[in-house]
Amino acid sequence: MEERTYTLLGRTGAANVVLGIITIIAGIAVGVITIVNGAKLMKGKKYISF
């Protein structure tokens, strides 16, 4: 019984580490995309007239 618990805890821990890495990478990607889009909007605002 203890061996099954130990194996389950190891797999769960590894899955949590993988999910954490994926979350960090996704957060960085979204941040970069947001900065790039914001820079494009700021660059093009001089061409907008109301």
PDB file of N, CA and C in Angstrom:
ATOM      1  N   MET A   1       0.813  -1.190   0.000  1.00  0.00           N
ATOM      2  CA  MET A   1       0.000   0.000   0.000  1.00  0.00           C
ATOM      3  C   MET A   1       0.861   1.259   0.000  1.00  0.00           C
ATOM      4  N   GLU A   2       1.930   1.260   0.790  1.00  0.00           N
ATOM      5  CA  GLU A   2       2.786   2.438   0.865  1.00  0.00           C
ATOM      6  C   GLU A   2       3.504   2.690  -0.462  1.00  0.00           C
ATOM      7  N   GLU A   3       3.834   1.607  -1.154  1.00  0.00           N
ATOM      8  CA  GLU A   3       4.532   1.758  -2.432  1.00  0.00           C
ATOM      9  C   GLU A   3       3.634   2.432  -3.469  1.00  0.00           C
ATOM     10  N   ARG A   4       2.357   2.059  -3.483  1.00  0.00           N
ATOM     11  CA  ARG A   4       1.410   2.695  -4.410  1.00  0.00           C
ATOM     12  C   ARG A   4       1.252   4.179  -4.096  1.00  0.00           C
ATOM     13  N   THR A   5       1.188   4.498  -2.807  1.00  0.00           N
ATOM     14  CA  THR A   5       1.059   5.896  -2.387  1.00  0.00           C
ATOM     15  C   THR A   5       2.306   6.679  -2.792  1.00  0.00           C
ATOM     16  N   TYR A   6       3.459   6.103  -2.571  1.00  0.00           N
ATOM     17  CA  TYR A   6       4.715   6.759  -2.933  1.00  0.00           C
ATOM     18  C   TYR A   6       4.785   7.011  -4.433  1.00  0.00           C
ATOM     19  N   THR A   7       4.393   6.036  -5.234  1.00  0.00           N
ATOM     20  CA  THR A   7       4.389   6.180  -6.689  1.00  0.00           C
ATOM     21  C   THR A   7       3.399   7.254  -7.120  1.00  0.00           C
ATOM     22  N   LEU A   8       2.218   7.249  -6.519  1.00  0.00           N
ATOM     23  CA  LEU A   8       1.208   8.252  -6.849  1.00  0.00           C
ATOM     24  C   LEU A   8       1.689   9.652  -6.508  1.00  0.00           C
ATOM     25  N   LEU A   9       2.313   9.814  -5.351  1.00  0.00           N
ATOM     26  CA  LEU A   9       2.833  11.120  -4.959  1.00  0.00           C
ATOM     27  C   LEU A   9       3.935  11.578  -5.908  1.00  0.00           C
ATOM     28  N   GLY A  10       4.772  10.671  -6.349  1.00  0.00           N
ATOM     29  CA  GLY A  10       5.832  11.027  -7.296  1.00  0.00           C
ATOM     30  C   GLY A  10       5.266  11.499  -8.620  1.00  0.00           C
ATOM     31  N   ARG A  11       4.267  10.794  -9.128  1.00  0.00           N
ATOM     32  CA  ARG A  11       3.650  11.183 -10.396  1.00  0.00           C
ATOM     33  C   ARG A  11       2.920  12.510 -10.274  1.00  0.00           C
ATOM     34  N   THR A  12       2.222  12.696  -9.156  1.00  0.00           N
ATOM     35  CA  THR A  12       1.498  13.944  -8.943  1.00  0.00           C
ATOM     36  C   THR A  12       2.465  15.118  -8.833  1.00  0.00           C
ATOM     37  N   GLY A  13       3.556  14.925  -8.139  1.00  0.00           N
ATOM     38  CA  GLY A  13       4.563  15.977  -8.015  1.00  0.00           C
ATOM     39  C   GLY A  13       5.174  16.335  -9.358  1.00  0.00           C
ATOM     40  N   ALA A  14       5.476  15.328 -10.156  1.00  0.00           N
ATOM     41  CA  ALA A  14       6.046  15.576 -11.480  1.00  0.00           C
ATOM     42  C   ALA A  14       5.042  16.307 -12.371  1.00  0.00           C
ATOM     43  N   ALA A  15       3.787  15.924 -12.299  1.00  0.00           N
ATOM     44  CA  ALA A  15       2.756  16.593 -13.103  1.00  0.00           C
ATOM     45  C   ALA A  15       2.614  18.047 -12.683  1.00  0.00           C
ATOM     46  N   ASN A  16       2.685  18.323 -11.383  1.00  0.00           N
ATOM     47  CA  ASN A  16       2.592  19.702 -10.909  1.00  0.00           C
ATOM     48  C   ASN A  16       3.774  20.545 -11.377  1.00  0.00           C
ATOM     49  N   VAL A  17       4.942  19.979 -11.397  1.00  0.00           N
ATOM     50  CA  VAL A  17       6.114  20.707 -11.888  1.00  0.00           C
ATOM     51  C   VAL A  17       5.950  21.021 -13.370  1.00  0.00           C
ATOM     52  N   VAL A  18       5.492  20.057 -14.150  1.00  0.00           N
ATOM     53  CA  VAL A  18       5.289  20.267 -15.586  1.00  0.00           C
ATOM     54  C   VAL A  18       4.229  21.343 -15.823  1.00  0.00           C
ATOM     55  N   LEU A  19       3.127  21.278 -15.089  1.00  0.00           N
ATOM     56  CA  LEU A  19       2.084  22.291 -15.239  1.00  0.00           C
ATOM     57  C   LEU A  19       2.588  23.679 -14.842  1.00  0.00           C
ATOM     58  N   GLY A  20       3.411  23.750 -13.826  1.00  0.00           N
ATOM     59  CA  GLY A  20       3.996  25.028 -13.427  1.00  0.00           C
ATOM     60  C   GLY A  20       4.870  25.620 -14.509  1.00  0.00           C
ATOM     61  N   ILE A  21       5.693  24.796 -15.130  1.00  0.00           N
ATOM     62  CA  ILE A  21       6.567  25.264 -16.217  1.00  0.00           C
ATOM     63  C   ILE A  21       5.737  25.731 -17.398  1.00  0.00           C
ATOM     64  N   ILE A  22       4.702  24.972 -17.751  1.00  0.00           N
ATOM     65  CA  ILE A  22       3.833  25.364 -18.865  1.00  0.00           C
ATOM     66  C   ILE A  22       3.145  26.691 -18.565  1.00  0.00           C
ATOM     67  N   THR A  23       2.696  26.883 -17.325  1.00  0.00           N
ATOM     68  CA  THR A  23       2.040  28.125 -16.939  1.00  0.00           C
ATOM     69  C   THR A  23       2.993  29.309 -17.037  1.00  0.00           C
ATOM     70  N   ILE A  24       4.218  29.133 -16.607  1.00  0.00           N
ATOM     71  CA  ILE A  24       5.206  30.211 -16.694  1.00  0.00           C
ATOM     72  C   ILE A  24       5.481  30.570 -18.148  1.00  0.00           C
ATOM     73  N   ILE A  25       5.659  29.571 -18.995  1.00  0.00           N
ATOM     74  CA  ILE A  25       5.929  29.818 -20.409  1.00  0.00           C
ATOM     75  C   ILE A  25       4.749  30.519 -21.068  1.00  0.00           C
ATOM     76  N   ALA A  26       3.533  30.074 -20.761  1.00  0.00           N
ATOM     77  CA  ALA A  26       2.342  30.710 -21.335  1.00  0.00           C
ATOM     78  C   ALA A  26       2.216  32.156 -20.860  1.00  0.00           C
ATOM     79  N   GLY A  27       2.514  32.410 -19.601  1.00  0.00           N
ATOM     80  CA  GLY A  27       2.456  33.771 -19.071  1.00  0.00           C
ATOM     81  C   GLY A  27       3.454  34.693 -19.751  1.00  0.00           C
ATOM     82  N   ILE A  28       4.653  34.206 -19.962  1.00  0.00           N
ATOM     83  CA  ILE A  28       5.670  35.010 -20.649  1.00  0.00           C
ATOM     84  C   ILE A  28       5.246  35.282 -22.080  1.00  0.00           C
ATOM     85  N   ALA A  29       4.708  34.279 -22.766  1.00  0.00           N
ATOM     86  CA  ALA A  29       4.271  34.454 -24.156  1.00  0.00           C
ATOM     87  C   ALA A  29       3.150  35.478 -24.249  1.00  0.00           C
ATOM     88  N   VAL A  30       2.178  35.400 -23.364  1.00  0.00           N
ATOM     89  CA  VAL A  30       1.068  36.358 -23.386  1.00  0.00           C
ATOM     90  C   VAL A  30       1.581  37.760 -23.078  1.00  0.00           C
ATOM     91  N   GLY A  31       2.505  37.886 -22.155  1.00  0.00           N
ATOM     92  CA  GLY A  31       3.086  39.193 -21.835  1.00  0.00           C
ATOM     93  C   GLY A  31       3.809  39.805 -23.017  1.00  0.00           C
ATOM     94  N   VAL A  32       4.587  39.023 -23.721  1.00  0.00           N
ATOM     95  CA  VAL A  32       5.316  39.529 -24.886  1.00  0.00           C
ATOM     96  C   VAL A  32       4.341  39.956 -25.986  1.00  0.00           C
ATOM     97  N   ILE A  33       3.334  39.141 -26.233  1.00  0.00           N
ATOM     98  CA  ILE A  33       2.344  39.481 -27.263  1.00  0.00           C
ATOM     99  C   ILE A  33       1.623  40.778 -26.896  1.00  0.00           C
ATOM    100  N   THR A  34       1.276  40.951 -25.632  1.00  0.00           N
ATOM    101  CA  THR A  34       0.596  42.163 -25.188  1.00  0.00           C
ATOM    102  C   THR A  34       1.479  43.390 -25.369  1.00  0.00           C
ATOM    103  N   ILE A  35       2.735  43.288 -25.030  1.00  0.00           N
ATOM    104  CA  ILE A  35       3.661  44.411 -25.187  1.00  0.00           C
ATOM    105  C   ILE A  35       3.819  44.771 -26.656  1.00  0.00           C
ATOM    106  N   VAL A  36       3.964  43.774 -27.515  1.00  0.00           N
ATOM    107  CA  VAL A  36       4.125  44.032 -28.950  1.00  0.00           C
ATOM    108  C   VAL A  36       2.876  44.701 -29.516  1.00  0.00           C
ATOM    109  N   ASN A  37       1.699  44.193 -29.173  1.00  0.00           N
ATOM    110  CA  ASN A  37       0.471  44.800 -29.673  1.00  0.00           C
ATOM    111  C   ASN A  37       0.290  46.221 -29.143  1.00  0.00           C
ATOM    112  N   GLY A  38       0.624  46.456 -27.903  1.00  0.00           N
ATOM    113  CA  GLY A  38       0.543  47.807 -27.343  1.00  0.00           C
ATOM    114  C   GLY A  38       1.486  48.760 -28.048  1.00  0.00           C
ATOM    115  N   ALA A  39       2.676  48.303 -28.360  1.00  0.00           N
ATOM    116  CA  ALA A  39       3.633  49.155 -29.075  1.00  0.00           C
ATOM    117  C   ALA A  39       3.119  49.486 -30.470  1.00  0.00           C
ATOM    118  N   LYS A  40       2.505  48.522 -31.142  1.00  0.00           N
ATOM    119  CA  LYS A  40       1.942  48.783 -32.470  1.00  0.00           C
ATOM    120  C   LYS A  40       0.817  49.804 -32.392  1.00  0.00           C
ATOM    121  N   LEU A  41      -0.031  49.699 -31.378  1.00  0.00           N
ATOM    122  CA  LEU A  41      -1.116  50.661 -31.208  1.00  0.00           C
ATOM    123  C   LEU A  41      -0.579  52.062 -30.930  1.00  0.00           C
ATOM    124  N   MET A  42       0.424  52.154 -30.089  1.00  0.00           N
ATOM    125  CA  MET A  42       0.992  53.464 -29.777  1.00  0.00           C
ATOM    126  C   MET A  42       1.677  54.068 -30.988  1.00  0.00           C
ATOM    127  N   LYS A  43       2.307  53.247 -31.787  1.00  0.00           N
ATOM    128  CA  LYS A  43       2.985  53.730 -32.986  1.00  0.00           C
ATOM    129  C   LYS A  43       1.979  54.247 -34.014  1.00  0.00           C
ATOM    130  N   GLY A  44       0.828  53.594 -34.125  1.00  0.00           N
ATOM    131  CA  GLY A  44      -0.148  53.968 -35.132  1.00  0.00           C
ATOM    132  C   GLY A  44      -1.161  55.002 -34.687  1.00  0.00           C
ATOM    133  N   LYS A  45      -1.108  55.486 -33.444  1.00  0.00           N
ATOM    134  CA  LYS A  45      -2.139  56.404 -32.976  1.00  0.00           C
ATOM    135  C   LYS A  45      -2.038  57.784 -33.611  1.00  0.00           C
ATOM    136  N   LYS A  46      -0.889  58.132 -34.166  1.00  0.00           N
ATOM    137  CA  LYS A  46      -0.761  59.456 -34.802  1.00  0.00           C
ATOM    138  C   LYS A  46      -1.517  59.493 -36.144  1.00  0.00           C
ATOM    139  N   TYR A  47      -1.877  58.353 -36.683  1.00  0.00           N
ATOM    140  CA  TYR A  47      -2.604  58.313 -37.939  1.00  0.00           C
ATOM    141  C   TYR A  47      -4.117  58.311 -37.749  1.00  0.00           C
ATOM    142  N   ILE A  48      -4.567  58.313 -36.507  1.00  0.00           N
ATOM    143  CA  ILE A  48      -6.003  58.286 -36.216  1.00  0.00           C
ATOM    144  C   ILE A  48      -6.485  59.711 -35.994  1.00  0.00           C
ATOM    145  N   SER A  49      -7.540  60.065 -36.678  1.00  0.00           N
ATOM    146  CA  SER A  49      -8.160  61.387 -36.465  1.00  0.00           C
ATOM    147  C   SER A  49      -9.657  61.190 -36.268  1.00  0.00           C
ATOM    148  N   PHE A  50     -10.193  61.884 -35.309  1.00  0.00           N
ATOM    149  CA  PHE A  50     -11.615  61.782 -35.009  1.00  0.00           C
ATOM    150  C   PHE A  50     -12.348  62.979 -35.513  1.00  0.00           C
TER     151      PHE A  50
END
